[in-house]
Amino acid sequence: MKSSSYWAENIRLIVICLVIWFVVSFGFGILLVEPLNEIRLGGYKLGFWFAQQGSIYTFVALIFWYSHKMNQLDKKYNLEEDEQGE
């Protein structure tokens, strides 16, 4: 029971990350590019920025967020690694 709850929460985090990344990369970078191009960010059109840089920055931020949330999840289920990584 404990392991199924752990994996259910883990899968939930993964799905959240994938949905956010999809919205930012496909939604903002492709589907909503024209309306976003009306806004400028550092001299560049926002739609272009999301397509070229925004999805990458979002992906890196999601990696750190997922790592943080997984550390919390591991502590919740007493699955933390010791200091030597074993």
Protein backbone atom coordinates (compact mmCIF):
# COMPACT_ATOMS: atom_id res chain seq x y z
CA MET A 1 0.00 0.00 0.00
CA LYS A 2 2.79 2.36 0.93
CA SER A 3 4.65 1.79 -2.34
CA SER A 4 1.50 2.22 -4.46
CA SER A 5 0.78 5.58 -2.76
CA TYR A 6 4.37 6.65 -3.31
CA TRP A 7 4.26 5.77 -7.00
CA ALA A 8 0.86 7.38 -7.47
CA GLU A 9 2.23 10.66 -6.11
CA ASN A 10 5.38 10.28 -8.21
CA ILE A 11 3.36 9.72 -11.39
CA ARG A 12 1.20 12.74 -10.50
CA LEU A 13 4.34 14.92 -10.31
CA ILE A 14 5.57 13.57 -13.64
CA VAL A 15 2.21 14.27 -15.31
CA ILE A 16 2.21 17.84 -13.92
CA CYS A 17 5.72 18.41 -15.30
CA LEU A 18 4.80 17.02 -18.72
CA VAL A 19 1.62 19.09 -18.95
CA ILE A 20 3.46 22.30 -18.02
CA TRP A 21 6.24 21.57 -20.51
CA PHE A 22 3.73 20.74 -23.25
CA VAL A 23 1.76 23.94 -22.67
CA VAL A 24 4.90 26.08 -22.71
CA SER A 25 6.66 24.40 -25.65
CA PHE A 26 3.77 23.39 -27.92
CA GLY A 27 1.07 25.77 -26.72
CA PHE A 28 3.09 28.97 -26.37
CA GLY A 29 5.74 28.14 -28.96
CA ILE A 30 3.44 26.90 -31.75
CA LEU A 31 -0.30 27.27 -31.13
CA LEU A 32 -0.29 30.72 -29.50
CA VAL A 33 2.76 32.10 -31.27
CA GLU A 34 0.88 34.78 -33.24
CA PRO A 35 -0.90 36.43 -30.29
CA LEU A 36 2.26 36.18 -28.18
CA ASN A 37 4.33 37.79 -30.93
CA GLU A 38 2.44 41.03 -30.22
CA ILE A 39 4.37 41.22 -26.93
CA ARG A 40 8.10 41.98 -26.87
CA LEU A 41 10.59 40.51 -24.39
CA GLY A 42 14.08 42.00 -24.55
CA GLY A 43 13.46 43.17 -28.11
CA TYR A 44 12.25 39.74 -29.27
CA LYS A 45 8.72 38.65 -30.00
CA LEU A 46 7.39 36.63 -27.06
CA GLY A 47 6.13 33.76 -29.24
CA PHE A 48 9.54 33.43 -30.86
CA TRP A 49 11.21 33.59 -27.43
CA PHE A 50 9.04 30.76 -26.08
CA ALA A 51 9.78 28.64 -29.14
CA GLN A 52 13.54 29.21 -28.92
CA GLN A 53 14.35 29.72 -25.23
CA GLY A 54 11.26 29.63 -23.04
CA SER A 55 10.61 25.90 -23.32
CA ILE A 56 14.25 25.15 -22.48
CA TYR A 57 14.23 27.43 -19.41
CA THR A 58 10.92 25.92 -18.33
CA PHE A 59 12.33 22.40 -18.72
CA VAL A 60 15.37 23.24 -16.57
CA ALA A 61 13.14 24.87 -13.91
CA LEU A 62 10.91 21.78 -13.94
CA ILE A 63 13.94 19.55 -13.32
CA PHE A 64 14.81 21.50 -10.17
CA TRP A 65 11.15 21.64 -9.04
CA TYR A 66 10.71 17.90 -9.60
CA SER A 67 13.90 17.14 -7.69
CA HIS A 68 12.74 19.28 -4.78
CA LYS A 69 9.27 17.68 -4.74
CA MET A 70 10.75 14.17 -4.97
CA ASN A 71 13.01 14.89 -1.99
CA GLN A 72 9.90 15.92 -0.05
CA LEU A 73 8.09 12.80 -1.22
CA ASP A 74 11.01 10.58 -0.22
CA LYS A 75 11.02 12.11 3.26
CA LYS A 76 7.25 11.65 3.55
CA TYR A 77 7.62 7.92 2.83
CA ASN A 78 10.96 7.54 4.70
CA LEU A 79 12.88 6.72 1.54
CA GLU A 80 15.63 9.34 1.78
CA GLU A 81 19.10 8.44 0.60
CA ASP A 82 21.86 8.65 3.15
CA GLU A 83 24.64 11.20 2.72
CA GLN A 84 26.76 8.76 0.68
CA GLY A 85 24.00 8.29 -1.90
CA GLU A 86 23.37 4.62 -1.09
